[in-house]
Amino acid sequence: MGVGISWDNLAGSVSKTGAMGIISCVGTGYYQKSAFVQKAVKSR
């Protein structure tokens, strides 16, 4: 689920239980408020 619904905390926690955690690859540029992008426009 994206943007940012199932990232590290949710997916990691699900996989930890023995079920299957799935990381959404949609909109990863928003992760930690765009800390990992080369260019943003008004935080997008």
ModelCIF file with pLDDT and N, C-alpha, C, O atoms, coordinates in Angstrom:
data_MODEL
#
_entry.id   MODEL 
#
_entity.id                         1 
_entity.type                       polymer 
_entity.pdbx_number_of_molecules   1 
#
_entity_poly.entity_id                      1 
_entity_poly.type                           'polypeptide(L)' 
_entity_poly.nstd_linkage                   no 
_entity_poly.nstd_monomer                   no 
_entity_poly.pdbx_seq_one_letter_code       MGVGISWDNLAGSVSKTGAMGIISCVGTGYYQKSAFVQKAVKSR 
_entity_poly.pdbx_seq_one_letter_code_can   MGVGISWDNLAGSVSKTGAMGIISCVGTGYYQKSAFVQKAVKSR 
_entity_poly.pdbx_strand_id                 A 
#
loop_
_entity_poly_seq.entity_id 
_entity_poly_seq.num 
_entity_poly_seq.mon_id 
_entity_poly_seq.hetero 
1 1  MET n 
1 2  GLY n 
1 3  VAL n 
1 4  GLY n 
1 5  ILE n 
1 6  SER n 
1 7  TRP n 
1 8  ASP n 
1 9  ASN n 
1 10 LEU n 
1 11 ALA n 
1 12 GLY n 
1 13 SER n 
1 14 VAL n 
1 15 SER n 
1 16 LYS n 
1 17 THR n 
1 18 GLY n 
1 19 ALA n 
1 20 MET n 
1 21 GLY n 
1 22 ILE n 
1 23 ILE n 
1 24 SER n 
1 25 CYS n 
1 26 VAL n 
1 27 GLY n 
1 28 THR n 
1 29 GLY n 
1 30 TYR n 
1 31 TYR n 
1 32 GLN n 
1 33 LYS n 
1 34 SER n 
1 35 ALA n 
1 36 PHE n 
1 37 VAL n 
1 38 GLN n 
1 39 LYS n 
1 40 ALA n 
1 41 VAL n 
1 42 LYS n 
1 43 SER n 
1 44 ARG n 
#
_struct_asym.id          A 
_struct_asym.entity_id   1 
#
loop_
_ma_qa_metric.id 
_ma_qa_metric.mode 
_ma_qa_metric.name 
_ma_qa_metric.software_group_id 
_ma_qa_metric.type 
1 global pLDDT . pLDDT 
2 local  pLDDT . pLDDT 
#
_ma_qa_metric_global.metric_id      1 
_ma_qa_metric_global.metric_value   93.95 
_ma_qa_metric_global.model_id       1 
_ma_qa_metric_global.ordinal_id     1 
#
loop_
_ma_qa_metric_local.label_asym_id 
_ma_qa_metric_local.label_comp_id 
_ma_qa_metric_local.label_seq_id 
_ma_qa_metric_local.metric_id 
_ma_qa_metric_local.metric_value 
_ma_qa_metric_local.model_id 
_ma_qa_metric_local.ordinal_id 
A MET 1  2 94.00 1 1  
A GLY 2  2 90.00 1 2  
A VAL 3  2 95.00 1 3  
A GLY 4  2 95.00 1 4  
A ILE 5  2 97.00 1 5  
A SER 6  2 97.00 1 6  
A TRP 7  2 97.00 1 7  
A ASP 8  2 97.00 1 8  
A ASN 9  2 98.00 1 9  
A LEU 10 2 98.00 1 10 
A ALA 11 2 98.00 1 11 
A GLY 12 2 98.00 1 12 
A SER 13 2 98.00 1 13 
A VAL 14 2 98.00 1 14 
A SER 15 2 98.00 1 15 
A LYS 16 2 98.00 1 16 
A THR 17 2 97.00 1 17 
A GLY 18 2 97.00 1 18 
A ALA 19 2 97.00 1 19 
A MET 20 2 98.00 1 20 
A GLY 21 2 98.00 1 21 
A ILE 22 2 98.00 1 22 
A ILE 23 2 98.00 1 23 
A SER 24 2 97.00 1 24 
A CYS 25 2 97.00 1 25 
A VAL 26 2 96.00 1 26 
A GLY 27 2 96.00 1 27 
A THR 28 2 96.00 1 28 
A GLY 29 2 96.00 1 29 
A TYR 30 2 95.00 1 30 
A TYR 31 2 95.00 1 31 
A GLN 32 2 90.00 1 32 
A LYS 33 2 82.00 1 33 
A SER 34 2 81.00 1 34 
A ALA 35 2 86.00 1 35 
A PHE 36 2 88.00 1 36 
A VAL 37 2 88.00 1 37 
A GLN 38 2 88.00 1 38 
A LYS 39 2 90.00 1 39 
A ALA 40 2 88.00 1 40 
A VAL 41 2 90.00 1 41 
A LYS 42 2 86.00 1 42 
A SER 43 2 87.00 1 43 
A ARG 44 2 93.00 1 44 
#
loop_
_atom_site.group_PDB 
_atom_site.id 
_atom_site.type_symbol 
_atom_site.label_atom_id 
_atom_site.label_alt_id 
_atom_site.label_comp_id 
_atom_site.label_asym_id 
_atom_site.label_entity_id 
_atom_site.label_seq_id 
_atom_site.pdbx_PDB_ins_code 
_atom_site.Cartn_x 
_atom_site.Cartn_y 
_atom_site.Cartn_z 
_atom_site.occupancy 
_atom_site.B_iso_or_equiv 
_atom_site.pdbx_formal_charge 
_atom_site.auth_seq_id 
_atom_site.auth_comp_id 
_atom_site.auth_asym_id 
_atom_site.auth_atom_id 
_atom_site.pdbx_PDB_model_num 
ATOM 1   N N  . MET A 1 1  ? 0.835  -1.210  0.000  1.00 94.00 ? 1  MET A N  1 
ATOM 2   C CA . MET A 1 1  ? 0.000  0.000   0.000  1.00 94.00 ? 1  MET A CA 1 
ATOM 3   C C  . MET A 1 1  ? 0.862  1.250   0.000  1.00 94.00 ? 1  MET A C  1 
ATOM 4   O O  . MET A 1 1  ? 1.721  1.427   0.865  1.00 94.00 ? 1  MET A O  1 
ATOM 5   N N  . GLY A 1 2  ? 0.627  2.112   -0.976 1.00 90.00 ? 2  GLY A N  1 
ATOM 6   C CA . GLY A 1 2  ? 1.388  3.346   -1.070 1.00 90.00 ? 2  GLY A CA 1 
ATOM 7   C C  . GLY A 1 2  ? 0.453  4.519   -1.291 1.00 90.00 ? 2  GLY A C  1 
ATOM 8   O O  . GLY A 1 2  ? -0.719 4.323   -1.615 1.00 90.00 ? 2  GLY A O  1 
ATOM 9   N N  . VAL A 1 3  ? 0.949  5.727   -1.122 1.00 95.00 ? 3  VAL A N  1 
ATOM 10  C CA . VAL A 1 3  ? 2.319  6.110   -0.813 1.00 95.00 ? 3  VAL A CA 1 
ATOM 11  C C  . VAL A 1 3  ? 2.553  5.969   0.701  1.00 95.00 ? 3  VAL A C  1 
ATOM 12  O O  . VAL A 1 3  ? 1.804  6.531   1.501  1.00 95.00 ? 3  VAL A O  1 
ATOM 13  N N  . GLY A 1 4  ? 3.564  5.240   1.077  1.00 95.00 ? 4  GLY A N  1 
ATOM 14  C CA . GLY A 1 4  ? 4.038  5.271   2.443  1.00 95.00 ? 4  GLY A CA 1 
ATOM 15  C C  . GLY A 1 4  ? 3.195  4.571   3.472  1.00 95.00 ? 4  GLY A C  1 
ATOM 16  O O  . GLY A 1 4  ? 3.425  4.760   4.666  1.00 95.00 ? 4  GLY A O  1 
ATOM 17  N N  . ILE A 1 5  ? 2.213  3.757   3.065  1.00 97.00 ? 5  ILE A N  1 
ATOM 18  C CA . ILE A 1 5  ? 1.422  3.034   4.048  1.00 97.00 ? 5  ILE A CA 1 
ATOM 19  C C  . ILE A 1 5  ? 2.182  1.799   4.506  1.00 97.00 ? 5  ILE A C  1 
ATOM 20  O O  . ILE A 1 5  ? 2.281  1.530   5.703  1.00 97.00 ? 5  ILE A O  1 
ATOM 21  N N  . SER A 1 6  ? 2.717  1.050   3.549  1.00 97.00 ? 6  SER A N  1 
ATOM 22  C CA . SER A 1 6  ? 3.510  -0.134  3.910  1.00 97.00 ? 6  SER A CA 1 
ATOM 23  C C  . SER A 1 6  ? 4.952  0.058   3.460  1.00 97.00 ? 6  SER A C  1 
ATOM 24  O O  . SER A 1 6  ? 5.344  -0.327  2.358  1.00 97.00 ? 6  SER A O  1 
ATOM 25  N N  . TRP A 1 7  ? 5.719  0.662   4.342  1.00 97.00 ? 7  TRP A N  1 
ATOM 26  C CA . TRP A 1 7  ? 7.153  0.794   4.137  1.00 97.00 ? 7  TRP A CA 1 
ATOM 27  C C  . TRP A 1 7  ? 7.888  -0.023  5.193  1.00 97.00 ? 7  TRP A C  1 
ATOM 28  O O  . TRP A 1 7  ? 7.446  -1.128  5.508  1.00 97.00 ? 7  TRP A O  1 
ATOM 29  N N  . ASP A 1 8  ? 8.965  0.459   5.742  1.00 97.00 ? 8  ASP A N  1 
ATOM 30  C CA . ASP A 1 8  ? 9.804  -0.378  6.592  1.00 97.00 ? 8  ASP A CA 1 
ATOM 31  C C  . ASP A 1 8  ? 9.113  -0.859  7.873  1.00 97.00 ? 8  ASP A C  1 
ATOM 32  O O  . ASP A 1 8  ? 9.239  -2.028  8.237  1.00 97.00 ? 8  ASP A O  1 
ATOM 33  N N  . ASN A 1 9  ? 8.396  0.020   8.550  1.00 98.00 ? 9  ASN A N  1 
ATOM 34  C CA . ASN A 1 9  ? 7.840  -0.347  9.846  1.00 98.00 ? 9  ASN A CA 1 
ATOM 35  C C  . ASN A 1 9  ? 6.735  -1.395  9.710  1.00 98.00 ? 9  ASN A C  1 
ATOM 36  O O  . ASN A 1 9  ? 6.749  -2.408  10.409 1.00 98.00 ? 9  ASN A O  1 
ATOM 37  N N  . LEU A 1 10 ? 5.775  -1.152  8.810  1.00 98.00 ? 10 LEU A N  1 
ATOM 38  C CA . LEU A 1 10 ? 4.671  -2.103  8.655  1.00 98.00 ? 10 LEU A CA 1 
ATOM 39  C C  . LEU A 1 10 ? 5.143  -3.405  8.019  1.00 98.00 ? 10 LEU A C  1 
ATOM 40  O O  . LEU A 1 10 ? 4.915  -4.481  8.571  1.00 98.00 ? 10 LEU A O  1 
ATOM 41  N N  . ALA A 1 11 ? 5.794  -3.319  6.872  1.00 98.00 ? 11 ALA A N  1 
ATOM 42  C CA . ALA A 1 11 ? 6.209  -4.538  6.170  1.00 98.00 ? 11 ALA A CA 1 
ATOM 43  C C  . ALA A 1 11 ? 7.201  -5.344  7.000  1.00 98.00 ? 11 ALA A C  1 
ATOM 44  O O  . ALA A 1 11 ? 7.106  -6.570  7.063  1.00 98.00 ? 11 ALA A O  1 
ATOM 45  N N  . GLY A 1 12 ? 8.148  -4.666  7.635  1.00 98.00 ? 12 GLY A N  1 
ATOM 46  C CA . GLY A 1 12 ? 9.112  -5.364  8.474  1.00 98.00 ? 12 GLY A CA 1 
ATOM 47  C C  . GLY A 1 12 ? 8.444  -6.063  9.649  1.00 98.00 ? 12 GLY A C  1 
ATOM 48  O O  . GLY A 1 12 ? 8.815  -7.180  10.011 1.00 98.00 ? 12 GLY A O  1 
ATOM 49  N N  . SER A 1 13 ? 7.463  -5.403  10.238 1.00 98.00 ? 13 SER A N  1 
ATOM 50  C CA . SER A 1 13 ? 6.759  -5.976  11.395 1.00 98.00 ? 13 SER A CA 1 
ATOM 51  C C  . SER A 1 13 ? 5.919  -7.178  10.999 1.00 98.00 ? 13 SER A C  1 
ATOM 52  O O  . SER A 1 13 ? 5.832  -8.148  11.752 1.00 98.00 ? 13 SER A O  1 
ATOM 53  N N  . VAL A 1 14 ? 5.289  -7.126  9.806  1.00 98.00 ? 14 VAL A N  1 
ATOM 54  C CA . VAL A 1 14 ? 4.501  -8.266  9.333  1.00 98.00 ? 14 VAL A CA 1 
ATOM 55  C C  . VAL A 1 14 ? 5.410  -9.461  9.066  1.00 98.00 ? 14 VAL A C  1 
ATOM 56  O O  . VAL A 1 14 ? 5.112  -10.578 9.491  1.00 98.00 ? 14 VAL A O  1 
ATOM 57  N N  . SER A 1 15 ? 6.517  -9.229  8.364  1.00 98.00 ? 15 SER A N  1 
ATOM 58  C CA . SER A 1 15 ? 7.437  -10.334 8.074  1.00 98.00 ? 15 SER A CA 1 
ATOM 59  C C  . SER A 1 15 ? 8.029  -10.934 9.347  1.00 98.00 ? 15 SER A C  1 
ATOM 60  O O  . SER A 1 15 ? 8.302  -12.133 9.409  1.00 98.00 ? 15 SER A O  1 
ATOM 61  N N  . LYS A 1 16 ? 8.220  -10.114 10.334 1.00 98.00 ? 16 LYS A N  1 
ATOM 62  C CA . LYS A 1 16 ? 8.766  -10.601 11.609 1.00 98.00 ? 16 LYS A CA 1 
ATOM 63  C C  . LYS A 1 16 ? 7.870  -11.664 12.234 1.00 98.00 ? 16 LYS A C  1 
ATOM 64  O O  . LYS A 1 16 ? 8.364  -12.574 12.900 1.00 98.00 ? 16 LYS A O  1 
ATOM 65  N N  . THR A 1 17 ? 6.551  -11.559 12.026 1.00 97.00 ? 17 THR A N  1 
ATOM 66  C CA . THR A 1 17 ? 5.607  -12.510 12.626 1.00 97.00 ? 17 THR A CA 1 
ATOM 67  C C  . THR A 1 17 ? 5.594  -13.857 11.921 1.00 97.00 ? 17 THR A C  1 
ATOM 68  O O  . THR A 1 17 ? 5.073  -14.836 12.457 1.00 97.00 ? 17 THR A O  1 
ATOM 69  N N  . GLY A 1 18 ? 6.168  -13.913 10.710 1.00 97.00 ? 18 GLY A N  1 
ATOM 70  C CA . GLY A 1 18 ? 6.088  -15.133 9.910  1.00 97.00 ? 18 GLY A CA 1 
ATOM 71  C C  . GLY A 1 18 ? 5.103  -15.038 8.781  1.00 97.00 ? 18 GLY A C  1 
ATOM 72  O O  . GLY A 1 18 ? 5.021  -15.949 7.957  1.00 97.00 ? 18 GLY A O  1 
ATOM 73  N N  . ALA A 1 19 ? 4.342  -13.950 8.718  1.00 97.00 ? 19 ALA A N  1 
ATOM 74  C CA . ALA A 1 19 ? 3.503  -13.660 7.550  1.00 97.00 ? 19 ALA A CA 1 
ATOM 75  C C  . ALA A 1 19 ? 4.373  -12.943 6.518  1.00 97.00 ? 19 ALA A C  1 
ATOM 76  O O  . ALA A 1 19 ? 5.584  -12.831 6.708  1.00 97.00 ? 19 ALA A O  1 
ATOM 77  N N  . MET A 1 20 ? 3.777  -12.460 5.434  1.00 98.00 ? 20 MET A N  1 
ATOM 78  C CA . MET A 1 20 ? 4.553  -11.881 4.339  1.00 98.00 ? 20 MET A CA 1 
ATOM 79  C C  . MET A 1 20 ? 4.380  -10.371 4.289  1.00 98.00 ? 20 MET A C  1 
ATOM 80  O O  . MET A 1 20 ? 3.319  -9.876  3.910  1.00 98.00 ? 20 MET A O  1 
ATOM 81  N N  . GLY A 1 21 ? 5.417  -9.641  4.667  1.00 98.00 ? 21 GLY A N  1 
ATOM 82  C CA . GLY A 1 21 ? 5.408  -8.193  4.591  1.00 98.00 ? 21 GLY A CA 1 
ATOM 83  C C  . GLY A 1 21 ? 5.801  -7.723  3.201  1.00 98.00 ? 21 GLY A C  1 
ATOM 84  O O  . GLY A 1 21 ? 6.731  -8.257  2.597  1.00 98.00 ? 21 GLY A O  1 
ATOM 85  N N  . ILE A 1 22 ? 5.094  -6.727  2.698  1.00 98.00 ? 22 ILE A N  1 
ATOM 86  C CA . ILE A 1 22 ? 5.337  -6.239  1.343  1.00 98.00 ? 22 ILE A CA 1 
ATOM 87  C C  . ILE A 1 22 ? 5.526  -4.729  1.362  1.00 98.00 ? 22 ILE A C  1 
ATOM 88  O O  . ILE A 1 22 ? 4.659  -3.986  1.823  1.00 98.00 ? 22 ILE A O  1 
ATOM 89  N N  . ILE A 1 23 ? 6.659  -4.293  0.858  1.00 98.00 ? 23 ILE A N  1 
ATOM 90  C CA . ILE A 1 23 ? 6.996  -2.872  0.783  1.00 98.00 ? 23 ILE A CA 1 
ATOM 91  C C  . ILE A 1 23 ? 6.446  -2.283  -0.508 1.00 98.00 ? 23 ILE A C  1 
ATOM 92  O O  . ILE A 1 23 ? 6.706  -2.807  -1.591 1.00 98.00 ? 23 ILE A O  1 
ATOM 93  N N  . SER A 1 24 ? 5.693  -1.204  -0.397 1.00 97.00 ? 24 SER A N  1 
ATOM 94  C CA . SER A 1 24 ? 5.226  -0.496  -1.589 1.00 97.00 ? 24 SER A CA 1 
ATOM 95  C C  . SER A 1 24 ? 6.369  0.351   -2.147 1.00 97.00 ? 24 SER A C  1 
ATOM 96  O O  . SER A 1 24 ? 7.027  1.090   -1.414 1.00 97.00 ? 24 SER A O  1 
ATOM 97  N N  . CYS A 1 25 ? 6.591  0.230   -3.446 1.00 97.00 ? 25 CYS A N  1 
ATOM 98  C CA . CYS A 1 25 ? 7.647  1.007   -4.105 1.00 97.00 ? 25 CYS A CA 1 
ATOM 99  C C  . CYS A 1 25 ? 7.134  2.318   -4.681 1.00 97.00 ? 25 CYS A C  1 
ATOM 100 O O  . CYS A 1 25 ? 7.877  3.032   -5.355 1.00 97.00 ? 25 CYS A O  1 
ATOM 101 N N  . VAL A 1 26 ? 5.880  2.640   -4.426 1.00 96.00 ? 26 VAL A N  1 
ATOM 102 C CA . VAL A 1 26 ? 5.285  3.872   -4.948 1.00 96.00 ? 26 VAL A CA 1 
ATOM 103 C C  . VAL A 1 26 ? 5.650  5.066   -4.068 1.00 96.00 ? 26 VAL A C  1 
ATOM 104 O O  . VAL A 1 26 ? 5.481  5.030   -2.849 1.00 96.00 ? 26 VAL A O  1 
ATOM 105 N N  . GLY A 1 27 ? 6.149  6.114   -4.702 1.00 96.00 ? 27 GLY A N  1 
ATOM 106 C CA . GLY A 1 27 ? 6.360  7.377   -4.003 1.00 96.00 ? 27 GLY A CA 1 
ATOM 107 C C  . GLY A 1 27 ? 7.427  7.354   -2.935 1.00 96.00 ? 27 GLY A C  1 
ATOM 108 O O  . GLY A 1 27 ? 7.328  8.081   -1.947 1.00 96.00 ? 27 GLY A O  1 
ATOM 109 N N  . THR A 1 28 ? 8.453  6.528   -3.115 1.00 96.00 ? 28 THR A N  1 
ATOM 110 C CA . THR A 1 28 ? 9.500  6.422   -2.100 1.00 96.00 ? 28 THR A CA 1 
ATOM 111 C C  . THR A 1 28 ? 10.236 7.750   -1.887 1.00 96.00 ? 28 THR A C  1 
ATOM 112 O O  . THR A 1 28 ? 10.902 7.943   -0.870 1.00 96.00 ? 28 THR A O  1 
ATOM 113 N N  . GLY A 1 29 ? 10.110 8.649   -2.847 1.00 96.00 ? 29 GLY A N  1 
ATOM 114 C CA . GLY A 1 29 ? 10.729 9.958   -2.686 1.00 96.00 ? 29 GLY A CA 1 
ATOM 115 C C  . GLY A 1 29 ? 10.177 10.761  -1.517 1.00 96.00 ? 29 GLY A C  1 
ATOM 116 O O  . GLY A 1 29 ? 10.806 11.721  -1.071 1.00 96.00 ? 29 GLY A O  1 
ATOM 117 N N  . TYR A 1 30 ? 9.001  10.376  -1.017 1.00 95.00 ? 30 TYR A N  1 
ATOM 118 C CA . TYR A 1 30 ? 8.434  11.038  0.156  1.00 95.00 ? 30 TYR A CA 1 
ATOM 119 C C  . TYR A 1 30 ? 9.023  10.521  1.466  1.00 95.00 ? 30 TYR A C  1 
ATOM 120 O O  . TYR A 1 30 ? 8.824  11.127  2.518  1.00 95.00 ? 30 TYR A O  1 
ATOM 121 N N  . TYR A 1 31 ? 9.743  9.406   1.405  1.00 95.00 ? 31 TYR A N  1 
ATOM 122 C CA . TYR A 1 31 ? 10.262 8.778   2.627  1.00 95.00 ? 31 TYR A CA 1 
ATOM 123 C C  . TYR A 1 31 ? 11.126 9.764   3.408  1.00 95.00 ? 31 TYR A C  1 
ATOM 124 O O  . TYR A 1 31 ? 12.005 10.420  2.850  1.00 95.00 ? 31 TYR A O  1 
ATOM 125 N N  . GLN A 1 32 ? 10.864 9.853   4.678  1.00 90.00 ? 32 GLN A N  1 
ATOM 126 C CA . GLN A 1 32 ? 11.566 10.794  5.565  1.00 90.00 ? 32 GLN A CA 1 
ATOM 127 C C  . GLN A 1 32 ? 11.559 12.214  4.984  1.00 90.00 ? 32 GLN A C  1 
ATOM 128 O O  . GLN A 1 32 ? 12.557 12.935  4.999  1.00 90.00 ? 32 GLN A O  1 
ATOM 129 N N  . LYS A 1 33 ? 10.363 12.576  4.468  1.00 82.00 ? 33 LYS A N  1 
ATOM 130 C CA . LYS A 1 33 ? 10.123 13.925  3.949  1.00 82.00 ? 33 LYS A CA 1 
ATOM 131 C C  . LYS A 1 33 ? 11.140 14.345  2.883  1.00 82.00 ? 33 LYS A C  1 
ATOM 132 O O  . LYS A 1 33 ? 11.749 15.412  2.963  1.00 82.00 ? 33 LYS A O  1 
ATOM 133 N N  . SER A 1 34 ? 11.299 13.484  1.897  1.00 81.00 ? 34 SER A N  1 
ATOM 134 C CA . SER A 1 34 ? 12.125 13.763  0.712  1.00 81.00 ? 34 SER A CA 1 
ATOM 135 C C  . SER A 1 34 ? 13.614 13.875  1.010  1.00 81.00 ? 34 SER A C  1 
ATOM 136 O O  . SER A 1 34 ? 14.358 14.517  0.268  1.00 81.00 ? 34 SER A O  1 
ATOM 137 N N  . ALA A 1 35 ? 14.040 13.253  2.091  1.00 86.00 ? 35 ALA A N  1 
ATOM 138 C CA . ALA A 1 35 ? 15.449 13.355  2.471  1.00 86.00 ? 35 ALA A CA 1 
ATOM 139 C C  . ALA A 1 35 ? 16.384 12.682  1.471  1.00 86.00 ? 35 ALA A C  1 
ATOM 140 O O  . ALA A 1 35 ? 17.584 12.956  1.470  1.00 86.00 ? 35 ALA A O  1 
ATOM 141 N N  . PHE A 1 36 ? 15.849 11.805  0.620  1.00 88.00 ? 36 PHE A N  1 
ATOM 142 C CA . PHE A 1 36 ? 16.707 11.014  -0.259 1.00 88.00 ? 36 PHE A CA 1 
ATOM 143 C C  . PHE A 1 36 ? 16.604 11.407  -1.731 1.00 88.00 ? 36 PHE A C  1 
ATOM 144 O O  . PHE A 1 36 ? 17.150 10.714  -2.590 1.00 88.00 ? 36 PHE A O  1 
ATOM 145 N N  . VAL A 1 37 ? 15.915 12.506  -2.037 1.00 88.00 ? 37 VAL A N  1 
ATOM 146 C CA . VAL A 1 37 ? 15.764 12.879  -3.440 1.00 88.00 ? 37 VAL A CA 1 
ATOM 147 C C  . VAL A 1 37 ? 16.739 13.987  -3.818 1.00 88.00 ? 37 VAL A C  1 
ATOM 148 O O  . VAL A 1 37 ? 17.163 14.788  -2.986 1.00 88.00 ? 37 VAL A O  1 
ATOM 149 N N  . GLN A 1 38 ? 17.076 14.002  -5.098 1.00 88.00 ? 38 GLN A N  1 
ATOM 150 C CA . GLN A 1 38 ? 18.012 15.012  -5.597 1.00 88.00 ? 38 GLN A CA 1 
ATOM 151 C C  . GLN A 1 38 ? 17.327 16.353  -5.827 1.00 88.00 ? 38 GLN A C  1 
ATOM 152 O O  . GLN A 1 38 ? 17.941 17.412  -5.698 1.00 88.00 ? 38 GLN A O  1 
ATOM 153 N N  . LYS A 1 39 ? 16.021 16.287  -6.177 1.00 90.00 ? 39 LYS A N  1 
ATOM 154 C CA . LYS A 1 39 ? 15.317 17.537  -6.432 1.00 90.00 ? 39 LYS A CA 1 
ATOM 155 C C  . LYS A 1 39 ? 13.857 17.407  -6.022 1.00 90.00 ? 39 LYS A C  1 
ATOM 156 O O  . LYS A 1 39 ? 13.196 16.418  -6.338 1.00 90.00 ? 39 LYS A O  1 
ATOM 157 N N  . ALA A 1 40 ? 13.367 18.413  -5.317 1.00 88.00 ? 40 ALA A N  1 
ATOM 158 C CA . ALA A 1 40 ? 11.964 18.465  -4.910 1.00 88.00 ? 40 ALA A CA 1 
ATOM 159 C C  . ALA A 1 40 ? 11.414 19.854  -5.216 1.00 88.00 ? 40 ALA A C  1 
ATOM 160 O O  . ALA A 1 40 ? 12.152 20.839  -5.226 1.00 88.00 ? 40 ALA A O  1 
ATOM 161 N N  . VAL A 1 41 ? 10.118 19.916  -5.465 1.00 90.00 ? 41 VAL A N  1 
ATOM 162 C CA . VAL A 1 41 ? 9.434  21.188  -5.676 1.00 90.00 ? 41 VAL A CA 1 
ATOM 163 C C  . VAL A 1 41 ? 8.374  21.326  -4.593 1.00 90.00 ? 41 VAL A C  1 
ATOM 164 O O  . VAL A 1 41 ? 7.386  20.592  -4.577 1.00 90.00 ? 41 VAL A O  1 
ATOM 165 N N  . LYS A 1 42 ? 8.593  22.281  -3.684 1.00 86.00 ? 42 LYS A N  1 
ATOM 166 C CA . LYS A 1 42 ? 7.685  22.471  -2.543 1.00 86.00 ? 42 LYS A CA 1 
ATOM 167 C C  . LYS A 1 42 ? 7.456  21.154  -1.812 1.00 86.00 ? 42 LYS A C  1 
ATOM 168 O O  . LYS A 1 42 ? 6.319  20.785  -1.518 1.00 86.00 ? 42 LYS A O  1 
ATOM 169 N N  . SER A 1 43 ? 8.536  20.457  -1.524 1.00 87.00 ? 43 SER A N  1 
ATOM 170 C CA . SER A 1 43 ? 8.555  19.186  -0.783 1.00 87.00 ? 43 SER A CA 1 
ATOM 171 C C  . SER A 1 43 ? 7.981  18.007  -1.558 1.00 87.00 ? 43 SER A C  1 
ATOM 172 O O  . SER A 1 43 ? 7.819  16.926  -0.991 1.00 87.00 ? 43 SER A O  1 
ATOM 173 N N  . ARG A 1 44 ? 7.671  18.188  -2.833 1.00 93.00 ? 44 ARG A N  1 
ATOM 174 C CA . ARG A 1 44 ? 7.218  17.071  -3.665 1.00 93.00 ? 44 ARG A CA 1 
ATOM 175 C C  . ARG A 1 44 ? 8.372  16.567  -4.516 1.00 93.00 ? 44 ARG A C  1 
ATOM 176 O O  . ARG A 1 44 ? 8.202  15.626  -5.291 1.00 93.00 ? 44 ARG A O  1 
#
